Protein backbone atom coordinates (compact mmCIF):
# COMPACT_ATOMS: atom_id res chain seq x y z
CA UNK A 1 -15.77 14.89 -0.09
CA UNK A 2 -13.75 12.13 1.42
CA UNK A 3 -14.99 8.63 1.69
CA UNK A 4 -13.41 5.51 3.48
CA UNK A 5 -14.66 1.67 3.07
CA UNK A 6 -13.46 -1.17 5.22
CA UNK A 7 -14.55 -4.64 5.68
CA UNK A 8 -13.49 -5.05 9.49
CA UNK A 9 -14.37 -8.75 9.76
CA UNK A 10 -15.78 -8.27 13.06
CA UNK A 11 -15.93 -4.67 14.59
CA UNK A 12 -15.42 -5.79 18.07
CA UNK A 13 -12.20 -7.65 17.18
CA UNK A 14 -10.88 -4.68 15.43
CA UNK A 15 -11.88 -2.30 18.08
CA UNK A 16 -9.32 -4.12 20.28
CA UNK A 17 -6.70 -3.49 17.63
CA UNK A 18 -6.80 0.20 17.64
CA UNK A 19 -10.04 1.14 15.27
CA UNK A 20 -10.78 4.12 17.26
CA UNK A 21 -7.50 5.70 16.74
CA UNK A 22 -7.42 4.57 13.06
CA UNK A 23 -10.98 6.03 12.50
CA UNK A 24 -9.91 9.36 13.41
CA UNK A 25 -6.74 9.27 11.29
CA UNK A 26 -9.06 9.01 8.42
CA UNK A 27 -10.51 12.37 8.88
CA UNK A 28 -13.16 11.34 6.57
CA UNK A 29 -16.74 12.59 5.60
CA UNK A 30 -18.13 9.25 5.26
CA UNK A 31 -16.73 5.86 6.81
CA UNK A 32 -18.35 2.84 5.80
CA UNK A 33 -18.08 -0.70 7.34
CA UNK A 34 -18.79 -3.99 6.15
CA UNK A 35 -18.81 -7.39 8.11
CA UNK A 36 -19.40 -5.68 11.39
CA UNK A 37 -20.94 -9.16 12.78
CA UNK A 38 -22.99 -7.38 15.41
CA UNK A 39 -26.66 -7.45 16.83
CA UNK A 40 -28.04 -4.51 18.29
CA UNK A 41 -26.71 -3.06 21.77
CA UNK A 42 -23.63 -5.27 21.49
CA UNK A 43 -21.31 -2.23 20.95
CA UNK A 44 -21.79 1.49 21.67
CA UNK A 45 -18.95 3.11 19.22
CA UNK A 46 -19.95 6.63 18.63
CA UNK A 47 -17.51 9.22 17.35
CA UNK A 48 -17.77 13.42 17.86
CA UNK A 49 -19.13 14.99 14.75
CA UNK A 50 -20.71 11.94 13.29
CA UNK A 51 -24.05 10.15 13.15
CA UNK A 52 -24.18 6.50 12.72
CA UNK A 53 -26.25 3.88 10.89
CA UNK A 54 -26.45 0.18 11.19
CA UNK A 55 -27.90 -2.76 9.41
CA UNK A 56 -27.74 -6.18 11.16
CA UNK A 57 -28.21 -9.53 9.95
CA UNK A 58 -30.87 -11.68 11.17
CA UNK A 59 -28.41 -14.48 11.82
CA UNK A 60 -26.16 -13.66 14.80
CA UNK A 61 -22.50 -12.96 14.34
CA UNK A 62 -22.90 -12.78 10.58
CA UNK A 63 -22.40 -10.13 8.10
CA UNK A 64 -23.58 -6.60 8.57
CA UNK A 65 -22.96 -3.11 7.64
CA UNK A 66 -22.50 0.45 9.25
CA UNK A 67 -22.19 3.91 8.26
CA UNK A 68 -20.51 7.05 9.86
CA UNK A 69 -21.44 10.06 8.46
CA UNK A 70 -20.26 13.97 9.24
CA UNK A 71 -23.30 15.16 7.28
CA UNK A 72 -26.90 14.83 7.92
CA UNK A 73 -28.83 12.69 5.24
CA UNK A 74 -31.87 13.67 3.52
CA UNK A 75 -32.64 10.01 4.13
CA UNK A 76 -31.25 6.54 4.91
CA UNK A 77 -32.91 3.29 4.04
CA UNK A 78 -31.74 -0.23 4.63
CA UNK A 79 -31.41 -3.18 1.97
CA UNK A 80 -32.53 -3.04 -1.53
CA UNK A 81 -36.34 -3.63 -1.24
CA UNK A 82 -36.33 -7.13 -2.12
CA UNK A 83 -37.06 -9.39 1.14
CA UNK A 84 -35.10 -12.27 0.01
CA UNK A 85 -31.84 -10.32 -0.29
CA UNK A 86 -32.41 -8.06 2.73
CA UNK A 87 -32.33 -10.53 5.65
CA UNK A 88 -28.38 -10.31 5.92
CA UNK A 89 -27.77 -6.47 6.62
CA UNK A 90 -25.83 -6.06 3.48
CA UNK A 91 -26.71 -2.77 2.24
CA UNK A 92 -27.43 0.93 3.66
CA UNK A 93 -28.31 3.88 1.31
CA UNK A 94 -27.51 7.42 2.35
CA UNK A 95 -29.11 10.26 0.56
CA UNK A 96 -27.47 13.57 0.39
CA UNK A 97 -28.49 16.64 -1.75
CA UNK A 98 -26.20 15.80 -4.86
CA UNK A 99 -25.75 11.85 -4.55
CA UNK A 100 -26.48 8.63 -3.12
CA UNK A 101 -23.96 6.82 -1.04
CA UNK A 102 -24.58 3.00 -1.05
CA UNK A 103 -22.53 0.79 1.31
CA UNK A 104 -22.52 -3.07 0.35
CA UNK A 105 -21.40 -6.28 1.25
CA UNK A 106 -21.77 -8.48 -1.68
CA UNK A 107 -22.52 -12.07 -0.63
CA UNK A 108 -19.52 -14.69 -1.23
CA UNK A 109 -20.09 -17.46 -3.55
CA UNK A 110 -18.48 -19.62 -1.04
CA UNK A 111 -16.07 -22.65 -1.40
CA UNK A 112 -17.09 -24.71 -4.43
CA UNK A 113 -19.24 -21.94 -5.68
CA UNK A 114 -22.00 -23.24 -3.73
CA UNK A 115 -24.05 -20.08 -3.38
CA UNK A 116 -23.14 -18.89 -6.90
CA UNK A 117 -26.73 -19.07 -8.14
CA UNK A 118 -27.92 -17.06 -5.26
CA UNK A 119 -25.12 -14.56 -5.73
CA UNK A 120 -26.19 -14.22 -9.39
CA UNK A 121 -29.62 -13.44 -8.52
CA UNK A 122 -28.44 -10.85 -5.96
CA UNK A 123 -26.22 -9.35 -8.75
CA UNK A 124 -29.06 -8.74 -10.92
CA UNK A 125 -31.00 -7.48 -8.02
CA UNK A 126 -28.48 -5.03 -6.75
CA UNK A 127 -27.63 -3.58 -10.48
CA UNK A 128 -31.48 -2.89 -10.77
CA UNK A 129 -31.33 -1.00 -7.40
CA UNK A 130 -28.72 1.14 -8.47
CA UNK A 131 -29.87 2.19 -11.53
CA UNK A 132 -33.28 3.16 -10.04
CA UNK A 133 -30.90 5.69 -7.86
CA UNK A 134 -28.92 6.64 -10.81
CA UNK A 135 -32.01 7.98 -12.60
CA UNK A 136 -32.28 10.70 -9.90
CA UNK A 137 -28.88 11.76 -9.05
CA UNK A 138 -24.92 10.76 -8.82
CA UNK A 139 -24.59 7.26 -6.83
CA UNK A 140 -21.35 6.38 -4.98
CA UNK A 141 -21.19 2.57 -4.30
CA UNK A 142 -18.61 1.33 -1.96
CA UNK A 143 -17.87 -2.04 -0.07
CA UNK A 144 -16.66 -5.40 -0.31
CA UNK A 145 -17.83 -6.62 -3.69
CA UNK A 146 -16.30 -10.11 -3.48
CA UNK A 147 -14.81 -10.10 -6.89
CA UNK A 148 -11.40 -9.39 -8.36
CA UNK A 149 -12.62 -8.12 -11.84
CA UNK A 150 -9.45 -8.48 -13.75
CA UNK A 151 -6.18 -10.58 -13.79
CA UNK A 152 -4.52 -7.54 -12.48
CA UNK A 153 -6.75 -7.55 -9.40
CA UNK A 154 -5.25 -10.73 -7.94
CA UNK A 155 -1.81 -12.36 -7.59
CA UNK A 156 -2.53 -15.55 -8.91
CA UNK A 157 -5.20 -15.45 -11.51
CA UNK A 158 -4.58 -18.81 -13.13
CA UNK A 159 -4.62 -20.65 -10.06
CA UNK A 160 -7.83 -19.04 -8.82
CA UNK A 161 -9.75 -19.14 -12.30
CA UNK A 162 -12.86 -21.16 -10.94
CA UNK A 163 -12.32 -19.90 -7.26
CA UNK A 164 -15.23 -17.90 -5.72
CA UNK A 165 -14.30 -14.33 -6.22
CA UNK A 166 -12.69 -14.86 -9.92
CA UNK A 167 -15.18 -17.22 -11.41
CA UNK A 168 -16.40 -16.25 -15.26
CA UNK A 169 -19.76 -15.68 -13.90
CA UNK A 170 -18.88 -13.20 -11.00
CA UNK A 171 -16.47 -11.24 -13.16
CA UNK A 172 -19.05 -11.22 -15.93
CA UNK A 173 -21.67 -9.50 -13.57
CA UNK A 174 -19.06 -6.85 -12.67
CA UNK A 175 -18.47 -6.15 -16.31
CA UNK A 176 -21.89 -5.62 -16.76
CA UNK A 177 -22.41 -3.14 -13.82
CA UNK A 178 -19.41 -1.00 -15.12
CA UNK A 179 -20.77 -1.36 -18.60
CA UNK A 180 -24.12 -0.01 -17.60
CA UNK A 181 -23.11 3.22 -16.54
CA UNK A 182 -20.49 2.79 -13.45
CA UNK A 183 -16.69 3.72 -13.01
CA UNK A 184 -14.26 1.71 -10.99
CA UNK A 185 -12.62 4.69 -9.27
CA UNK A 186 -9.35 2.78 -8.28
CA UNK A 187 -8.74 1.57 -11.92
CA UNK A 188 -9.78 4.95 -13.53
CA UNK A 189 -7.01 6.64 -11.74
CA UNK A 190 -4.63 3.58 -11.58
CA UNK A 191 -4.91 1.74 -14.74
CA UNK A 192 -1.79 -0.44 -14.51
CA UNK A 193 -1.22 -0.50 -10.75
CA UNK A 194 -1.26 -3.69 -8.84
CA UNK A 195 -2.36 -3.17 -5.29
CA UNK A 196 -4.52 -5.49 -3.13
CA UNK A 197 -7.28 -5.12 -0.41
CA UNK A 198 -7.72 -8.58 0.90
CA UNK A 199 -5.37 -11.26 1.72
CA UNK A 200 -5.99 -14.91 3.18
CA UNK A 201 -5.10 -15.64 6.72
CA UNK A 202 -3.36 -18.64 5.33
CA UNK A 203 0.08 -19.50 4.28
CA UNK A 204 1.45 -15.72 5.45
CA UNK A 205 -0.36 -14.47 2.25
CA UNK A 206 -0.20 -10.73 3.67
CA UNK A 207 3.44 -10.69 4.48
CA UNK A 208 3.80 -12.01 1.01
CA UNK A 209 1.39 -9.77 -0.54
CA UNK A 210 -0.67 -12.57 -2.24
CA UNK A 211 -3.64 -10.59 -2.39
CA UNK A 212 -6.90 -9.60 -4.32
CA UNK A 213 -8.48 -6.23 -4.80
CA UNK A 214 -12.20 -6.91 -3.98
CA UNK A 215 -12.97 -3.72 -2.09
CA UNK A 216 -14.22 -0.85 -4.32
CA UNK A 217 -15.55 2.66 -4.82
CA UNK A 218 -17.58 2.86 -7.76
CA UNK A 219 -19.39 5.97 -8.95
CA UNK A 220 -22.04 6.50 -11.58
CA UNK A 221 -20.86 7.92 -14.89
CA UNK A 222 -22.30 11.23 -14.07
CA UNK A 223 -19.71 11.55 -11.46
CA UNK A 224 -16.76 10.36 -13.27
CA UNK A 225 -14.96 14.03 -13.45
CA UNK A 226 -15.56 14.29 -9.85
CA UNK A 227 -13.10 11.46 -8.77
CA UNK A 228 -9.81 13.29 -7.61
CA UNK A 229 -8.34 10.52 -5.73
CA UNK A 230 -8.49 6.68 -4.88
CA UNK A 231 -6.30 4.78 -2.56
CA UNK A 232 -5.95 1.32 -0.78
CA UNK A 233 -4.57 1.39 2.36
CA UNK A 234 -2.49 -1.61 2.64
CA UNK A 235 -0.41 -0.27 5.68
CA UNK A 236 -3.60 -0.46 7.94
CA UNK A 237 -3.95 -3.72 9.76
CA UNK A 238 -6.42 -5.24 11.97
CA UNK A 239 -8.66 -7.12 9.53
CA UNK A 240 -7.86 -9.42 6.44
CA UNK A 241 -9.06 -6.48 4.33
CA UNK A 242 -7.40 -2.91 4.36
CA UNK A 243 -9.32 0.45 3.93
CA UNK A 244 -9.95 1.82 0.63
CA UNK A 245 -10.76 5.23 0.05
CA UNK A 246 -12.35 8.04 -2.65
CA UNK A 247 -12.07 11.53 -2.99
CA UNK A 248 -14.22 13.83 -4.92
CA UNK A 249 -14.46 17.47 -5.59
């Protein structure tokens, strides 16, 4: 199985930058998108051989997720079953016979960490949700997790120690999730490699490769031996993020 995840930071904008050709080049079983920034009816974007599923934020032009699948799922659910966390279109879960695929756009703690308290509540609720799935079958989690877990995962760790995405609190929640039975597929296969998936639009950061790795594919521990490939496609443009991939046997 081949999985692709991409925070497109506005799907309509990326469509104008060649998204349809890029999508076809993936040749993936599942393509998961975050930050689609859509409401129902704003776009009609379908591909031969794929079914699509959409979760929209109540707030216009904000957040949102989508999944394209070549395979008919057993079920599709939206959100994590917590009303206080399900207003922003952040989660889609696709149930397949052998695994769940969870596409997520994790809340950003924002400048000054002003949304950190909410982020901590989200993290605990989301981890409990993943555990409820993992007792049934394998789980693949993908998306923009809005955290660089280790110093190797961003260019300037010292300068960003107390910034959103690299606070001790956010990194601690990521450590807790991994310790509770999940595998970071990229770091599992590339333990020492420095490669990034997001760059600020400021100060020519992408051209200078001053980036962060905040987009992930995680799997439940039960699927560790199924991981055969993981990549960060930083030669693909169109968003401030680039796509990331997972291949399983």
